[in-house]
C-alpha atoms as a PDB file:
ATOM      1  CA  MET A   1       0.000   0.000   0.000  1.00  0.00           C
ATOM      2  CA  PRO A   2       1.404   3.448  -0.915  1.00  0.00           C
ATOM      3  CA  ALA A   3       2.620   5.634   1.952  1.00  0.00           C
ATOM      4  CA  THR A   4       0.124   8.526   1.900  1.00  0.00           C
ATOM      5  CA  THR A   5      -0.754   9.423   5.514  1.00  0.00           C
ATOM      6  CA  LEU A   6       0.013  12.964   6.671  1.00  0.00           C
ATOM      7  CA  ILE A   7       1.043  12.068  10.198  1.00  0.00           C
ATOM      8  CA  ASP A   8       1.233  15.710  11.329  1.00  0.00           C
ATOM      9  CA  ARG A   9      -2.517  16.109  10.780  1.00  0.00           C
ATOM     10  CA  ALA A  10      -5.445  15.155  13.042  1.00  0.00           C
ATOM     11  CA  LEU A  11      -9.221  15.111  12.725  1.00  0.00           C
ATOM     12  CA  LEU A  12     -11.811  16.678  14.988  1.00  0.00           C
ATOM     13  CA  ARG A  13     -15.368  15.426  14.519  1.00  0.00           C
ATOM     14  CA  LEU A  14     -18.240  17.795  15.199  1.00  0.00           C
ATOM     15  CA  SER A  15     -21.602  16.095  15.561  1.00  0.00           C
ATOM     16  CA  GLY A  16     -24.982  17.094  16.902  1.00  0.00           C
ATOM     17  CA  GLU A  17     -27.517  19.794  16.217  1.00  0.00           C
ATOM     18  CA  ASP A  18     -26.823  22.136  13.277  1.00  0.00           C
ATOM     19  CA  VAL A  19     -23.055  21.720  13.234  1.00  0.00           C
ATOM     20  CA  ARG A  20     -22.695  23.714  10.031  1.00  0.00           C
ATOM     21  CA  GLY A  21     -24.718  26.582  11.451  1.00  0.00           C
ATOM     22  CA  PHE A  22     -22.486  26.623  14.516  1.00  0.00           C
ATOM     23  CA  LEU A  23     -19.332  26.799  12.385  1.00  0.00           C
ATOM     24  CA  GLN A  24     -20.875  29.302   9.978  1.00  0.00           C
ATOM     25  CA  GLY A  25     -20.771  31.991  12.640  1.00  0.00           C
ATOM     26  CA  LEU A  26     -17.135  31.255  13.488  1.00  0.00           C
ATOM     27  CA  VAL A  27     -14.996  30.359  10.477  1.00  0.00           C
ATOM     28  CA  THR A  28     -13.973  32.318   7.413  1.00  0.00           C
ATOM     29  CA  ASN A  29     -15.505  30.121   4.720  1.00  0.00           C
ATOM     30  CA  ASP A  30     -19.103  29.265   3.841  1.00  0.00           C
ATOM     31  CA  THR A  31     -19.957  25.979   5.521  1.00  0.00           C
ATOM     32  CA  ALA A  32     -23.072  25.640   3.361  1.00  0.00           C
ATOM     33  CA  ARG A  33     -20.742  24.830   0.455  1.00  0.00           C
ATOM     34  CA  ILE A  34     -19.073  21.800   2.064  1.00  0.00           C
ATOM     35  CA  ALA A  35     -19.911  18.573   0.234  1.00  0.00           C
ATOM     36  CA  PRO A  36     -18.510  15.014   0.429  1.00  0.00           C
ATOM     37  CA  GLU A  37     -16.127  15.670  -2.458  1.00  0.00           C
ATOM     38  CA  ARG A  38     -15.757  19.423  -1.866  1.00  0.00           C
ATOM     39  CA  PRO A  39     -13.760  20.197   1.281  1.00  0.00           C
ATOM     40  CA  LEU A  40     -13.006  23.825   2.115  1.00  0.00           C
ATOM     41  CA  TRP A  41      -9.974  25.550   3.575  1.00  0.00           C
ATOM     42  CA  ALA A  42     -10.893  28.003   6.349  1.00  0.00           C
ATOM     43  CA  GLY A  43      -9.550  29.807   9.373  1.00  0.00           C
ATOM     44  CA  LEU A  44     -10.592  30.706  12.889  1.00  0.00           C
ATOM     45  CA  LEU A  45      -9.559  34.280  13.609  1.00  0.00           C
ATOM     46  CA  THR A  46      -9.286  36.808  16.387  1.00  0.00           C
ATOM     47  CA  ALA A  47     -11.825  39.615  16.500  1.00  0.00           C
ATOM     48  CA  GLN A  48      -9.212  41.753  14.712  1.00  0.00           C
ATOM     49  CA  GLY A  49      -9.034  39.317  11.791  1.00  0.00           C
ATOM     50  CA  LYS A  50      -5.716  37.660  12.650  1.00  0.00           C
ATOM     51  CA  ALA A  51      -5.193  33.939  12.154  1.00  0.00           C
ATOM     52  CA  LEU A  52      -5.417  31.624  15.159  1.00  0.00           C
ATOM     53  CA  PHE A  53      -5.891  28.280  13.379  1.00  0.00           C
ATOM     54  CA  ASP A  54      -6.254  27.158   9.784  1.00  0.00           C
ATOM     55  CA  PHE A  55      -7.827  23.871   8.729  1.00  0.00           C
ATOM     56  CA  ILE A  56      -9.763  22.013   6.061  1.00  0.00           C
ATOM     57  CA  LEU A  57     -13.448  21.208   6.589  1.00  0.00           C
ATOM     58  CA  TRP A  58     -14.907  17.910   5.362  1.00  0.00           C
ATOM     59  CA  ALA A  59     -18.528  16.790   5.202  1.00  0.00           C
ATOM     60  CA  ASP A  60     -19.464  13.392   6.667  1.00  0.00           C
ATOM     61  CA  GLY A  61     -23.239  13.162   6.613  1.00  0.00           C
ATOM     62  CA  ASP A  62     -24.530  15.708   9.112  1.00  0.00           C
ATOM     63  CA  ASP A  63     -21.134  15.765  10.839  1.00  0.00           C
ATOM     64  CA  VAL A  64     -18.201  17.984   9.938  1.00  0.00           C
ATOM     65  CA  LEU A  65     -14.611  16.800  10.213  1.00  0.00           C
ATOM     66  CA  ILE A  66     -11.869  19.370  10.805  1.00  0.00           C
ATOM     67  CA  ASP A  67      -8.546  18.408   9.240  1.00  0.00           C
ATOM     68  CA  CYS A  68      -6.062  20.346  11.392  1.00  0.00           C
ATOM     69  CA  GLU A  69      -2.505  20.309  12.703  1.00  0.00           C
ATOM     70  CA  ALA A  70      -2.102  17.416  15.119  1.00  0.00           C
ATOM     71  CA  ALA A  71      -0.043  19.628  17.445  1.00  0.00           C
ATOM     72  CA  GLN A  72      -2.891  22.179  17.601  1.00  0.00           C
ATOM     73  CA  ALA A  73      -5.875  19.811  17.699  1.00  0.00           C
ATOM     74  CA  ASP A  74      -6.412  20.024  21.461  1.00  0.00           C
ATOM     75  CA  ALA A  75      -6.054  23.812  21.495  1.00  0.00           C
ATOM     76  CA  LEU A  76      -8.499  24.155  18.604  1.00  0.00           C
ATOM     77  CA  ARG A  77     -10.970  21.851  20.332  1.00  0.00           C
ATOM     78  CA  LYS A  78     -10.787  23.932  23.519  1.00  0.00           C
ATOM     79  CA  ARG A  79     -11.391  27.128  21.543  1.00  0.00           C
ATOM     80  CA  LEU A  80     -14.439  25.635  19.818  1.00  0.00           C
ATOM     81  CA  LEU A  81     -15.816  24.401  23.135  1.00  0.00           C
ATOM     82  CA  VAL A  82     -15.718  27.986  24.420  1.00  0.00           C
ATOM     83  CA  TYR A  83     -17.960  29.062  21.530  1.00  0.00           C
ATOM     84  CA  ARG A  84     -20.241  26.023  21.816  1.00  0.00           C
ATOM     85  CA  LEU A  85     -21.854  27.210  25.066  1.00  0.00           C
ATOM     86  CA  ARG A  86     -24.968  25.049  25.634  1.00  0.00           C
ATOM     87  CA  ARG A  87     -25.426  23.822  22.078  1.00  0.00           C
ATOM     88  CA  PRO A  88     -25.921  20.033  21.848  1.00  0.00           C
ATOM     89  CA  ILE A  89     -22.770  19.534  19.781  1.00  0.00           C
ATOM     90  CA  ALA A  90     -19.954  17.062  20.469  1.00  0.00           C
ATOM     91  CA  ILE A  91     -16.388  18.023  19.512  1.00  0.00           C
ATOM     92  CA  ASP A  92     -13.886  15.176  19.781  1.00  0.00           C
ATOM     93  CA  ARG A  93     -10.791  13.711  18.178  1.00  0.00           C
ATOM     94  CA  ASP A  94     -11.552  11.024  15.589  1.00  0.00           C
ATOM     95  CA  VAL A  95      -8.595   8.645  15.563  1.00  0.00           C
ATOM     96  CA  SER A  96     -10.334   6.095  13.332  1.00  0.00           C
ATOM     97  CA  LEU A  97      -9.493   8.166  10.250  1.00  0.00           C
ATOM     98  CA  ALA A  98      -6.410   9.943   8.949  1.00  0.00           C
ATOM     99  CA  VAL A  99      -5.618  12.590   6.348  1.00  0.00           C
ATOM    100  CA  HIS A 100      -4.001  11.248   3.181  1.00  0.00           C
ATOM    101  CA  TRP A 101      -2.163  12.965   0.351  1.00  0.00           C
ATOM    102  CA  SER A 102      -0.799  12.047  -3.065  1.00  0.00           C
ATOM    103  CA  ARG A 103       0.933  14.269  -5.559  1.00  0.00           C
ATOM    104  CA  GLU A 104      -1.017  12.554  -8.318  1.00  0.00           C
ATOM    105  CA  ALA A 105      -4.333  14.023  -9.407  1.00  0.00           C
ATOM    106  CA  GLY A 106      -7.386  12.196  -8.116  1.00  0.00           C
ATOM    107  CA  THR A 107     -11.037  12.536  -7.203  1.00  0.00           C
ATOM    108  CA  ILE A 108     -10.619  15.252  -4.551  1.00  0.00           C
ATOM    109  CA  ALA A 109      -8.043  17.976  -5.121  1.00  0.00           C
ATOM    110  CA  ASP A 110      -6.674  19.997  -2.242  1.00  0.00           C
ATOM    111  CA  PRO A 111      -9.196  22.869  -1.924  1.00  0.00           C
ATOM    112  CA  ARG A 112      -6.491  25.517  -1.864  1.00  0.00           C
ATOM    113  CA  LEU A 113      -4.724  24.679  -5.097  1.00  0.00           C
ATOM    114  CA  PRO A 114      -5.185  21.711  -7.451  1.00  0.00           C
ATOM    115  CA  GLU A 115      -1.419  21.513  -7.992  1.00  0.00           C
ATOM    116  CA  LEU A 116      -1.020  20.521  -4.346  1.00  0.00           C
ATOM    117  CA  GLY A 117      -2.393  17.119  -5.301  1.00  0.00           C
ATOM    118  CA  GLN A 118      -5.071  14.767  -4.079  1.00  0.00           C
ATOM    119  CA  ARG A 119      -6.304  14.808  -0.480  1.00  0.00           C
ATOM    120  CA  TRP A 120      -8.674  12.367   1.180  1.00  0.00           C
ATOM    121  CA  LEU A 121      -9.697  10.747   4.473  1.00  0.00           C
ATOM    122  CA  ALA A 122      -9.228   7.028   5.139  1.00  0.00           C
ATOM    123  CA  LEU A 123      -7.874   4.574   7.678  1.00  0.00           C
ATOM    124  CA  PRO A 124      -4.364   5.458   8.939  1.00  0.00           C
ATOM    125  CA  GLY A 125      -1.442   4.001   7.023  1.00  0.00           C
ATOM    126  CA  GLU A 126       2.229   4.570   6.344  1.00  0.00           C
ATOM    127  CA  ALA A 127       3.596   8.109   6.538  1.00  0.00           C
ATOM    128  CA  ALA A 128       3.731  10.101   3.317  1.00  0.00           C
ATOM    129  CA  GLU A 129       7.004  11.659   2.197  1.00  0.00           C
ATOM    130  CA  GLY A 130       7.565  14.862   0.268  1.00  0.00           C
ATOM    131  CA  TRP A 131       4.487  16.844   1.298  1.00  0.00           C
ATOM    132  CA  LEU A 132       6.345  19.707   2.980  1.00  0.00           C
ATOM    133  CA  ARG A 133       8.746  20.241   0.087  1.00  0.00           C
ATOM    134  CA  HIS A 134       5.921  20.025  -2.458  1.00  0.00           C
ATOM    135  CA  ARG A 135       3.690  22.467  -0.596  1.00  0.00           C
ATOM    136  CA  LEU A 136       6.433  25.033  -0.074  1.00  0.00           C
ATOM    137  CA  SER A 137       7.581  24.739  -3.698  1.00  0.00           C
ATOM    138  CA  LEU A 138       4.120  26.024  -4.657  1.00  0.00           C
ATOM    139  CA  GLY A 139       4.348  28.924  -2.195  1.00  0.00           C
ATOM    140  CA  VAL A 140       1.523  27.660   0.026  1.00  0.00           C
ATOM    141  CA  THR A 141       1.833  28.298   3.763  1.00  0.00           C
ATOM    142  CA  GLU A 142      -0.116  26.700   6.608  1.00  0.00           C
ATOM    143  CA  GLY A 143      -0.044  26.021  10.324  1.00  0.00           C
ATOM    144  CA  VAL A 144       0.836  27.978  13.423  1.00  0.00           C
ATOM    145  CA  ALA A 145       4.592  27.930  12.794  1.00  0.00           C
ATOM    146  CA  GLU A 146       4.134  29.698   9.461  1.00  0.00           C
ATOM    147  CA  LEU A 147       0.956  31.732   9.896  1.00  0.00           C
ATOM    148  CA  GLY A 148       1.561  32.531  13.557  1.00  0.00           C
ATOM    149  CA  GLN A 149      -1.171  32.903  16.164  1.00  0.00           C
ATOM    150  CA  ASP A 150      -2.651  36.379  16.512  1.00  0.00           C
ATOM    151  CA  LYS A 151       0.209  37.698  14.377  1.00  0.00           C
ATOM    152  CA  THR A 152      -0.933  37.691  10.763  1.00  0.00           C
ATOM    153  CA  LEU A 153      -4.102  39.073   9.201  1.00  0.00           C
ATOM    154  CA  TRP A 154      -6.020  36.363   7.381  1.00  0.00           C
ATOM    155  CA  LEU A 155      -5.764  38.038   3.972  1.00  0.00           C
ATOM    156  CA  GLU A 156      -1.990  38.349   4.469  1.00  0.00           C
ATOM    157  CA  CYS A 157      -2.025  34.526   4.627  1.00  0.00           C
ATOM    158  CA  ASN A 158      -3.161  34.593   0.971  1.00  0.00           C
ATOM    159  CA  ALA A 159      -6.602  33.382   1.991  1.00  0.00           C
ATOM    160  CA  ALA A 160      -8.462  35.105  -0.844  1.00  0.00           C
ATOM    161  CA  GLU A 161      -6.162  33.672  -3.509  1.00  0.00           C
ATOM    162  CA  LEU A 162      -6.325  30.141  -2.050  1.00  0.00           C
ATOM    163  CA  GLY A 163     -10.078  30.015  -1.481  1.00  0.00           C
ATOM    164  CA  GLY A 164      -9.965  30.335   2.301  1.00  0.00           C
ATOM    165  CA  VAL A 165     -12.556  33.069   2.740  1.00  0.00           C
ATOM    166  CA  SER A 166     -16.092  33.873   1.640  1.00  0.00           C
ATOM    167  CA  PHE A 167     -16.988  37.526   1.142  1.00  0.00           C
ATOM    168  CA  THR A 168     -20.685  36.770   0.645  1.00  0.00           C
ATOM    169  CA  LYS A 169     -21.543  34.749   3.767  1.00  0.00           C
ATOM    170  CA  GLY A 170     -22.775  36.298   6.981  1.00  0.00           C
ATOM    171  CA  CYS A 171     -20.767  37.399   9.976  1.00  0.00           C
ATOM    172  CA  TYR A 172     -17.996  35.369  11.591  1.00  0.00           C
ATOM    173  CA  VAL A 173     -15.265  36.144  14.096  1.00  0.00           C
ATOM    174  CA  GLY A 174     -12.886  38.670  12.500  1.00  0.00           C
ATOM    175  CA  GLN A 175     -15.184  39.329   9.536  1.00  0.00           C
ATOM    176  CA  GLU A 176     -15.374  43.105   9.847  1.00  0.00           C
ATOM    177  CA  ASN A 177     -11.675  43.821   9.432  1.00  0.00           C
ATOM    178  CA  THR A 178     -11.249  41.088   6.808  1.00  0.00           C
ATOM    179  CA  ALA A 179     -14.096  42.478   4.696  1.00  0.00           C
ATOM    180  CA  ARG A 180     -12.802  46.037   5.077  1.00  0.00           C
ATOM    181  CA  MET A 181      -9.319  45.047   3.872  1.00  0.00           C
ATOM    182  CA  ASN A 182     -10.794  43.278   0.869  1.00  0.00           C
ATOM    183  CA  TYR A 183     -13.083  46.204   0.000  1.00  0.00           C
ATOM    184  CA  ARG A 184     -10.220  48.685   0.190  1.00  0.00           C
ATOM    185  CA  GLN A 185      -7.806  46.285  -1.535  1.00  0.00           C
ATOM    186  CA  LYS A 186      -5.238  47.079   1.149  1.00  0.00           C
ATOM    187  CA  VAL A 187      -3.265  43.923   1.793  1.00  0.00           C
ATOM    188  CA  ASN A 188       0.183  45.422   2.207  1.00  0.00           C
ATOM    189  CA  ARG A 189       2.004  42.331   3.477  1.00  0.00           C
ATOM    190  CA  ARG A 190       2.060  38.697   2.461  1.00  0.00           C
ATOM    191  CA  LEU A 191       3.400  35.396   3.694  1.00  0.00           C
ATOM    192  CA  VAL A 192       5.835  34.097   1.084  1.00  0.00           C
ATOM    193  CA  VAL A 193       8.316  31.259   0.688  1.00  0.00           C
ATOM    194  CA  VAL A 194      11.948  32.187   0.072  1.00  0.00           C
ATOM    195  CA  PRO A 195      15.224  30.308  -0.447  1.00  0.00           C
ATOM    196  CA  ALA A 196      17.248  30.663   2.749  1.00  0.00           C
ATOM    197  CA  GLY A 197      20.452  29.289   4.225  1.00  0.00           C
ATOM    198  CA  GLU A 198      19.617  30.621   7.667  1.00  0.00           C
ATOM    199  CA  PRO A 199      16.704  32.394   9.399  1.00  0.00           C
ATOM    200  CA  GLY A 200      16.486  36.164   9.098  1.00  0.00           C
ATOM    201  CA  PRO A 201      14.618  38.973  10.876  1.00  0.00           C
ATOM    202  CA  ARG A 202      11.433  38.381   8.857  1.00  0.00           C
ATOM    203  CA  THR A 203      11.478  34.590   9.123  1.00  0.00           C
ATOM    204  CA  ARG A 204       8.384  32.867  10.491  1.00  0.00           C
ATOM    205  CA  ALA A 205       9.543  29.304   9.871  1.00  0.00           C
ATOM    206  CA  PHE A 206      12.896  27.969   8.677  1.00  0.00           C
ATOM    207  CA  TYR A 207      13.464  24.525   7.143  1.00  0.00           C
ATOM    208  CA  PRO A 208      17.241  23.929   7.001  1.00  0.00           C
ATOM    209  CA  GLU A 209      16.874  20.524   5.320  1.00  0.00           C
ATOM    210  CA  LEU A 210      15.058  22.239   2.431  1.00  0.00           C
ATOM    211  CA  GLN A 211      16.973  25.536   2.552  1.00  0.00           C
ATOM    212  CA  LEU A 212      13.613  27.317   2.546  1.00  0.00           C
ATOM    213  CA  ALA A 213      11.885  29.751   4.867  1.00  0.00           C
ATOM    214  CA  VAL A 214       8.493  31.401   5.243  1.00  0.00           C
ATOM    215  CA  GLU A 215       8.660  35.157   5.659  1.00  0.00           C
ATOM    216  CA  HIS A 216       6.148  37.956   6.287  1.00  0.00           C
ATOM    217  CA  ARG A 217       7.024  40.681   3.795  1.00  0.00           C
ATOM    218  CA  ARG A 218       5.697  43.920   2.420  1.00  0.00           C
ATOM    219  CA  ILE A 219       4.455  43.520  -1.144  1.00  0.00           C
ATOM    220  CA  ASP A 220       7.002  46.093  -2.334  1.00  0.00           C
ATOM    221  CA  ASP A 221       9.838  43.979  -0.898  1.00  0.00           C
ATOM    222  CA  MET A 222       9.560  40.641  -2.691  1.00  0.00           C
ATOM    223  CA  GLU A 223      13.082  40.256  -4.038  1.00  0.00           C
ATOM    224  CA  GLY A 224      14.063  36.593  -4.086  1.00  0.00           C
ATOM    225  CA  ALA A 225      10.661  35.353  -2.892  1.00  0.00           C
ATOM    226  CA  PHE A 226       8.714  32.667  -4.735  1.00  0.00           C
ATOM    227  CA  ARG A 227       6.068  34.326  -6.903  1.00  0.00           C
ATOM    228  CA  PRO A 228       3.781  31.490  -7.999  1.00  0.00           C
ATOM    229  CA  ALA A 229       1.237  32.193 -10.721  1.00  0.00           C
ATOM    230  CA  TRP A 230      -1.670  32.083  -8.260  1.00  0.00           C
ATOM    231  CA  LEU A 231      -0.097  34.934  -6.229  1.00  0.00           C
ATOM    232  CA  GLU A 232       1.407  37.043  -8.999  1.00  0.00           C
ATOM    233  CA  ALA A 233      -1.691  39.111  -9.754  1.00  0.00           C
ATOM    234  CA  ALA A 234      -2.125  40.043  -6.090  1.00  0.00           C
ATOM    235  CA  LEU A 235       1.473  41.237  -5.861  1.00  0.00           C
ATOM    236  CA  GLY A 236       1.021  43.534  -8.851  1.00  0.00           C
END
C-alpha cells in the first residue's frame, strides 16, 4: 500500500444539532458549500481578523470533520468548546481516520490549489514523504509555525487567492476587518516562501533541510521570494 498518511494532521469530529450553522458563525468560509467531495480551507480568527488556526473542513453526513494540525488539535478543540456554550454539539478527536495525500491528481483535489495534489480521508497508514517540500515549492503556507497565532491578518495569509474566505456569507469572528481590507484592496504584506540558508529577521519558519523559509514581507519587498502564478496578480 502506498505511503500517503500525513502524520502531522489530526481530525476533529463535530456532531450534533446544526453543526454547520455553529461553524458558519465562526470560520472564514461558507460551511453551506461543504460537500462530500468538496472540502473547504478556512480559518478561525481573532476579532481583529488575525489567524489563530487554519484547517480544512470535510462533510461526513450531518457531521463535519476538521482536518487540522495534530499539534494544535487540542487547542483548537478547547477554543471551539468555548464558543459552543450550551449547544448540543460534540467536539472530539476522531482517531479512526487519517488525512491522506498524493501528488497525483485524483477525485478530490486539495481545496487551496489543485497543484497541491489529491487529499482524502481514510484509515491510517504509512507516513507520506515529500508533502512539505511540495507544498512550499508552490508557495503555500499553513499552520501555526508559518501563519503565527494572533500575528498575521487572514488576507496576508493569501486566503483570498487560495479560497480560504467567503466575502458573501454572513458574519464570523474577524469578519469586519477582513471584509474592510478586501473592499479597500489594502493587503500590504504577504506570507511568502523564500530560499534561505539561515533564518532572518522576517522569518516565520525555517526549514534547514530544504533551505527554505516562510517570511512575512511587504508587497514592495519581494526580491528573491517565490512568486507562484496564483499569487502574482495580487502582488502587482
